[in-house]
Protein backbone atom coordinates (compact mmCIF):
# COMPACT_ATOMS: atom_id res chain seq x y z
CA MET A 1 46.99 -20.74 -11.10
CA ALA A 2 46.17 -17.44 -9.62
CA THR A 3 46.65 -14.11 -11.90
CA TYR A 4 48.32 -11.09 -9.95
CA LEU A 5 47.41 -7.56 -11.06
CA ASP A 6 50.61 -5.26 -11.08
CA PHE A 7 49.59 -3.71 -8.07
CA GLU A 8 48.76 -7.15 -5.69
CA GLN A 9 52.50 -8.29 -6.75
CA ARG A 10 53.31 -8.01 -3.04
CA LEU A 11 50.42 -10.70 -2.24
CA LYS A 12 52.07 -12.74 -4.89
CA THR A 13 55.59 -12.70 -3.37
CA LEU A 14 53.94 -13.22 0.22
CA GLN A 15 52.08 -16.27 -1.20
CA ASP A 16 54.67 -17.73 -2.93
CA ASP A 17 56.64 -17.54 0.99
CA ILE A 18 54.45 -19.03 2.28
CA ASP A 19 53.61 -22.13 -0.07
CA SER A 20 57.58 -22.43 0.47
CA ALA A 21 57.53 -22.10 3.97
CA LEU A 22 55.01 -25.23 4.19
CA LEU A 23 57.03 -27.20 1.44
CA SER A 24 59.75 -27.28 3.94
CA ASN A 25 57.97 -28.20 7.32
CA ASP A 26 58.47 -24.69 8.70
CA LYS A 27 55.17 -23.79 10.18
CA SER A 28 56.02 -20.98 12.17
CA ALA A 29 57.54 -18.84 9.24
CA ALA A 30 54.41 -19.95 7.37
CA ASP A 31 51.77 -18.43 10.01
CA ILE A 32 53.39 -15.52 10.14
CA ARG A 33 53.45 -15.28 6.25
CA LYS A 34 49.84 -15.80 6.39
CA GLN A 35 49.58 -12.76 8.75
CA GLU A 36 51.11 -10.24 6.82
CA LEU A 37 49.36 -11.56 3.80
CA LYS A 38 46.21 -11.13 5.60
CA ASN A 39 47.46 -7.58 6.91
CA GLU A 40 48.70 -7.03 2.88
CA LYS A 41 44.88 -7.65 1.25
CA LYS A 42 43.42 -5.21 4.05
CA LYS A 43 45.16 -2.59 2.74
CA ILE A 44 45.40 -2.56 -0.67
CA TYR A 45 41.20 -3.36 -1.21
CA SER A 46 40.37 -0.80 1.25
CA ASN A 47 42.65 1.90 -0.38
CA LEU A 48 41.50 1.03 -4.27
CA ASN A 49 41.29 3.89 -6.97
CA ASP A 50 38.74 3.77 -9.57
CA TYR A 51 41.83 2.71 -12.37
CA GLN A 52 42.51 -0.43 -10.36
CA LYS A 53 38.56 -1.72 -9.83
CA LEU A 54 38.80 -1.45 -13.39
CA GLN A 55 41.30 -3.94 -13.44
CA LEU A 56 39.63 -6.44 -11.40
CA ALA A 57 36.40 -5.82 -13.41
CA ARG A 58 38.39 -7.38 -16.20
CA HIS A 59 40.55 -9.86 -14.48
CA PRO A 60 41.38 -12.58 -16.87
CA ASP A 61 39.75 -14.89 -13.73
CA ARG A 62 36.73 -13.00 -13.09
CA PRO A 63 33.51 -15.09 -13.37
CA TYR A 64 31.33 -14.82 -16.03
CA ALA A 65 27.90 -15.08 -16.42
CA MET A 66 28.12 -18.94 -17.25
CA ASP A 67 30.19 -19.66 -14.23
CA TYR A 68 27.29 -17.94 -11.75
CA ILE A 69 24.54 -19.74 -14.47
CA GLU A 70 26.12 -23.10 -13.41
CA LEU A 71 26.53 -22.60 -9.74
CA LEU A 72 23.30 -21.49 -9.47
CA LEU A 73 20.85 -22.97 -11.29
CA LYS A 74 19.28 -26.32 -11.09
CA ASP A 75 16.89 -28.02 -13.93
CA ALA A 76 18.51 -25.67 -16.00
CA TYR A 77 17.18 -25.12 -20.28
CA GLU A 78 18.64 -22.85 -22.49
CA ILE A 79 16.61 -20.90 -24.72
CA SER A 80 17.96 -19.82 -28.49
CA GLY A 81 18.22 -18.40 -30.72
CA ASP A 82 15.75 -14.49 -31.84
CA ARG A 83 13.21 -16.56 -34.28
CA HIS A 84 14.20 -14.31 -37.13
CA PHE A 85 18.09 -14.46 -37.64
CA SER A 86 20.17 -16.89 -35.78
CA ASP A 87 21.66 -17.53 -32.33
CA ASP A 88 23.97 -14.90 -30.66
CA LYS A 89 26.00 -16.60 -28.60
CA ALA A 90 27.25 -13.63 -26.50
CA ILE A 91 23.77 -13.67 -24.64
CA VAL A 92 22.81 -16.46 -23.15
CA CYS A 93 19.48 -17.16 -21.96
CA PHE A 94 18.49 -20.42 -19.47
CA LEU A 95 15.07 -21.46 -17.58
CA GLY A 96 15.72 -22.51 -14.18
CA ARG A 97 15.24 -22.54 -10.42
CA ILE A 98 17.45 -20.88 -8.00
CA ASP A 99 17.03 -22.47 -4.79
CA GLY A 100 13.27 -23.63 -5.69
CA GLN A 101 12.46 -20.52 -7.07
CA LYS A 102 11.49 -20.57 -10.47
CA VAL A 103 13.72 -17.48 -12.80
CA MET A 104 14.78 -16.85 -16.01
CA VAL A 105 18.32 -16.10 -16.71
CA ILE A 106 19.66 -13.76 -19.07
CA GLY A 107 23.51 -13.45 -19.71
CA GLU A 108 26.09 -11.73 -21.54
CA GLU A 109 29.17 -14.12 -21.53
CA LYS A 110 32.55 -13.43 -22.84
CA GLY A 111 34.06 -16.41 -22.88
CA ARG A 112 37.33 -17.92 -21.67
CA GLY A 113 40.28 -18.85 -23.87
CA THR A 114 40.89 -17.91 -27.62
CA LYS A 115 37.96 -20.04 -29.07
CA ASN A 116 35.57 -19.55 -26.79
CA LYS A 117 36.06 -15.76 -26.63
CA LEU A 118 35.79 -16.26 -30.81
CA TYR A 119 32.62 -18.01 -30.22
CA ARG A 120 31.23 -15.78 -27.70
CA ASN A 121 32.26 -13.00 -30.00
CA PHE A 122 34.09 -11.45 -26.74
CA GLY A 123 30.98 -10.84 -25.15
CA MET A 124 29.74 -8.28 -27.44
CA PRO A 125 25.80 -9.11 -28.65
CA GLN A 126 24.65 -8.14 -31.98
CA PRO A 127 20.98 -7.19 -32.63
CA GLU A 128 19.94 -10.90 -32.67
CA GLY A 129 21.27 -11.57 -29.14
CA TYR A 130 18.98 -8.79 -27.87
CA ARG A 131 15.68 -9.74 -29.49
CA LYS A 132 16.31 -13.19 -28.11
CA ALA A 133 16.54 -11.61 -24.89
CA LEU A 134 13.22 -10.13 -25.56
CA ARG A 135 11.91 -13.57 -26.59
CA ALA A 136 13.29 -14.88 -23.27
CA ALA A 137 11.86 -11.75 -21.00
CA LYS A 138 8.37 -12.08 -23.04
CA MET A 139 8.16 -16.02 -22.18
CA ALA A 140 9.36 -15.03 -18.62
CA GLU A 141 6.41 -13.06 -18.74
CA LYS A 142 4.06 -15.19 -19.66
CA PHE A 143 4.30 -17.45 -17.16
CA ASN A 144 5.00 -14.75 -13.86
CA ILE A 145 8.58 -15.80 -13.60
CA PRO A 146 11.04 -13.84 -12.10
CA LEU A 147 13.91 -12.24 -14.85
CA LEU A 148 17.88 -12.08 -13.78
CA CYS A 149 20.09 -10.20 -15.78
CA LEU A 150 23.42 -10.90 -15.50
CA VAL A 151 25.14 -7.66 -17.11
CA ASP A 152 28.84 -7.76 -18.63
CA THR A 153 29.81 -6.68 -21.94
CA ALA A 154 32.59 -4.37 -23.28
CA GLY A 155 29.62 -2.70 -25.03
CA ALA A 156 27.33 -4.39 -28.15
CA TYR A 157 29.46 -5.68 -31.15
CA PRO A 158 30.20 -2.23 -33.18
CA GLY A 159 30.41 -4.34 -37.29
CA VAL A 160 28.73 -3.35 -40.33
CA GLY A 161 26.71 -6.17 -39.86
CA ALA A 162 25.13 -5.72 -36.37
CA GLU A 163 24.04 -2.08 -37.86
CA GLU A 164 22.86 -3.41 -40.93
CA ARG A 165 20.44 -5.76 -38.72
CA GLY A 166 19.70 -3.14 -36.47
CA GLN A 167 21.47 -2.44 -33.82
CA SER A 168 20.13 0.45 -32.54
CA GLU A 169 16.58 -0.34 -32.91
CA ALA A 170 17.57 -3.86 -30.87
CA ILE A 171 18.73 -2.20 -27.79
CA ALA A 172 16.01 0.88 -27.78
CA LYS A 173 13.11 -2.06 -28.27
CA ASN A 174 14.79 -3.73 -24.97
CA LEU A 175 14.83 -0.57 -23.30
CA GLU A 176 10.82 0.21 -23.68
CA GLU A 177 9.60 -3.77 -23.47
CA PHE A 178 11.76 -4.40 -19.99
CA SER A 179 10.71 -1.34 -18.68
CA ALA A 180 7.34 -2.57 -18.89
CA LEU A 181 7.23 -5.71 -18.29
CA LYS A 182 4.82 -7.43 -15.73
CA ILE A 183 7.03 -9.25 -13.90
CA PRO A 184 9.87 -8.90 -11.18
CA THR A 185 13.04 -7.78 -12.97
CA ILE A 186 16.47 -7.43 -11.33
CA SER A 187 19.85 -6.56 -12.80
CA ILE A 188 23.18 -7.15 -11.94
CA VAL A 189 26.85 -5.92 -13.22
CA ILE A 190 28.42 -9.09 -12.61
CA GLY A 191 31.93 -7.16 -14.49
CA GLU A 192 31.50 -4.63 -17.31
CA GLY A 193 28.79 -2.68 -18.00
CA GLY A 194 29.37 -0.76 -21.45
CA SER A 195 27.30 1.72 -23.10
CA GLY A 196 24.25 0.46 -24.71
CA GLY A 197 24.97 -2.92 -25.01
CA ALA A 198 24.94 -2.82 -20.90
CA LEU A 199 21.40 -0.97 -20.81
CA ALA A 200 19.84 -3.12 -23.31
CA ILE A 201 19.56 -5.62 -20.53
CA GLY A 202 19.78 -3.15 -17.21
CA VAL A 203 16.34 -1.79 -17.01
CA ALA A 204 15.00 -3.65 -13.86
CA ASP A 205 13.01 -3.17 -10.53
CA ARG A 206 16.65 -3.45 -8.75
CA LEU A 207 19.76 -2.86 -10.92
CA ALA A 208 22.79 -3.59 -8.68
CA MET A 209 26.57 -3.72 -9.17
CA LEU A 210 29.05 -6.32 -7.74
CA GLU A 211 31.62 -4.26 -5.88
CA TYR A 212 34.50 -4.22 -8.63
CA SER A 213 32.26 -4.04 -11.66
CA ILE A 214 31.81 -0.92 -13.69
CA PHE A 215 28.89 1.13 -16.00
CA SER A 216 29.75 3.49 -18.26
CA VAL A 217 28.90 5.41 -21.26
CA ILE A 218 31.63 4.70 -22.97
CA SER A 219 35.54 2.80 -22.00
CA PRO A 220 38.30 4.93 -20.45
CA GLU A 221 40.16 3.73 -23.14
CA GLY A 222 37.62 5.06 -26.00
CA CYS A 223 36.86 8.23 -23.40
CA ALA A 224 40.69 9.12 -23.74
CA ALA A 225 41.20 8.64 -27.82
CA ILE A 226 37.97 11.17 -27.93
CA LEU A 227 39.01 13.49 -25.65
CA TRP A 228 42.34 13.52 -25.33
CA ASN A 229 43.81 11.27 -28.46
CA ASP A 230 46.33 9.79 -25.81
CA PRO A 231 46.06 6.09 -24.50
CA SER A 232 47.63 7.09 -21.94
CA LYS A 233 45.13 9.19 -20.66
CA THR A 234 42.73 6.15 -19.79
CA GLU A 235 43.26 6.55 -15.89
CA ALA A 236 42.42 9.84 -16.16
CA ALA A 237 39.44 8.87 -17.92
CA THR A 238 38.29 6.10 -15.77
CA LYS A 239 38.32 8.45 -12.95
CA ALA A 240 36.14 11.57 -14.68
CA LEU A 241 33.89 9.25 -15.81
CA LYS A 242 32.43 8.07 -12.39
CA ILE A 243 32.01 4.72 -13.58
CA THR A 244 32.77 2.56 -10.14
CA PRO A 245 29.73 1.13 -7.95
CA THR A 246 30.33 3.87 -5.63
CA GLU A 247 30.23 6.55 -7.55
CA LEU A 248 27.41 5.54 -9.34
CA LYS A 249 24.77 5.10 -6.20
CA LYS A 250 26.01 8.24 -5.01
CA ALA A 251 24.16 9.46 -8.11
CA ASN A 252 21.21 7.62 -8.18
CA LEU A 253 21.91 5.30 -10.77
CA ILE A 254 22.06 2.05 -9.28
CA ASP A 255 20.17 0.59 -6.51
CA ASP A 256 22.45 -1.46 -4.45
CA ILE A 257 26.20 -2.86 -4.61
CA ILE A 258 26.64 -6.03 -3.63
CA LYS A 259 30.06 -6.58 -1.75
CA GLU A 260 32.93 -9.06 -2.91
CA PRO A 261 35.13 -11.62 -1.15
CA GLN A 262 37.97 -9.95 -0.42
CA GLY A 263 40.34 -9.45 -3.52
CA GLY A 264 37.38 -9.80 -5.84
CA ALA A 265 34.59 -12.40 -7.02
CA HIS A 266 37.52 -14.97 -8.40
CA ARG A 267 39.36 -15.30 -5.09
CA ASP A 268 36.02 -17.01 -3.92
CA LYS A 269 33.68 -18.25 -6.92
CA ILE A 270 31.19 -20.00 -5.03
CA GLU A 271 30.52 -17.13 -2.26
CA ALA A 272 30.61 -14.31 -4.80
CA ALA A 273 27.31 -16.93 -6.70
CA ASN A 274 25.55 -16.51 -3.18
CA LYS A 275 26.11 -13.09 -2.23
CA ILE A 276 24.38 -13.09 -5.79
CA LYS A 277 22.14 -15.46 -4.70
CA ASP A 278 20.84 -13.95 -1.58
CA TYR A 279 20.06 -10.49 -3.45
CA PHE A 280 18.22 -12.04 -5.64
CA LEU A 281 15.73 -13.63 -4.03
CA GLU A 282 15.27 -10.81 -1.41
CA SER A 283 14.79 -8.58 -4.06
CA VAL A 284 12.16 -10.80 -5.69
CA GLU A 285 10.05 -11.05 -2.50
CA LYS A 286 10.53 -7.02 -1.58
CA ILE A 287 9.62 -6.75 -5.25
CA ARG A 288 6.14 -9.11 -5.17
CA SER A 289 5.51 -7.16 -1.72
CA ASP A 290 4.65 -3.90 -3.50
CA SER A 291 1.45 -3.82 -5.22
CA ASN A 292 2.46 -0.98 -6.89
CA PHE A 293 6.23 -2.35 -8.42
CA LEU A 294 5.41 -1.12 -12.41
CA THR A 295 4.79 2.65 -10.86
CA THR A 296 7.44 2.32 -8.63
CA ARG A 297 9.89 0.75 -11.43
CA TYR A 298 8.45 3.36 -13.94
CA ASN A 299 9.23 6.46 -11.14
CA LYS A 300 12.36 5.27 -10.91
CA ILE A 301 13.58 4.92 -14.58
CA MET A 302 12.01 8.42 -15.06
CA SER A 303 14.16 10.25 -11.98
CA TYR A 304 16.89 9.48 -13.80
CA GLY A 305 19.12 12.33 -14.77
CA ALA A 306 18.55 16.04 -13.65
CA PHE A 307 18.74 19.58 -15.45
CA ALA A 308 18.47 22.90 -14.40
CA GLU A 309 16.93 25.75 -16.40
CA SER A 310 18.97 29.44 -16.10
């Protein structure tokens, strides 16, 4: 059963009318409502504000990393554990093929349903998760296999145990090592890209975002709490942070925006997965055609940010 957000309630009403008309075999009424639904969708999704895009990025039905892996990856073989402490289930690593192209996929997985969310730690990786990701990336480098990272986390896990085991060091190590991998690397934000938890697998030759994803230094809720000590300011914080793909592309912090099916990736998961597949395959081809892609990557990373001296 489809889940509708607050600003989508008119769509739910129209869909219910269509279902009722079809049940009563009133094809004429159903056709009228279908046209109204089409027009209403176009009106809503062409005028979304930043807070509504945040809601879509967090939509409970939105595809997660494992959804895309299951749809895209053939001959999938999971890589487990960091060989130091444990196997962090918030990060998944799979070796396989996408349309015949060998690939290593690293994803942050939130889990669906209470039991699975707890199993995946709500998609908040711990140090061993990032070390597992680095192990998988170095394995891909050894065998010259392109790397695809699927970013989707509210942030790295902030627990005492994670800090004791070197959370910040694990993230920093990944930033260093991923920036120097001698293979094509593509990173795509598929939902939430939260702080260092996203950056740890976000350094790549090509960094893209799905149309209704976000990438931020802090959650809007955290920002509202720090700046105003007022949770009602979350919408204002969302706008001020400039966390949407459009704003980040304008600032040259991401390379591309991947269009989603109308209404979000959850409305057509197969189409969304195919768009990710096409972007990945095209990107690998472009990167491989650049004999100096490591220099190109270095220059891109070093261009981030700007400052002025008075």
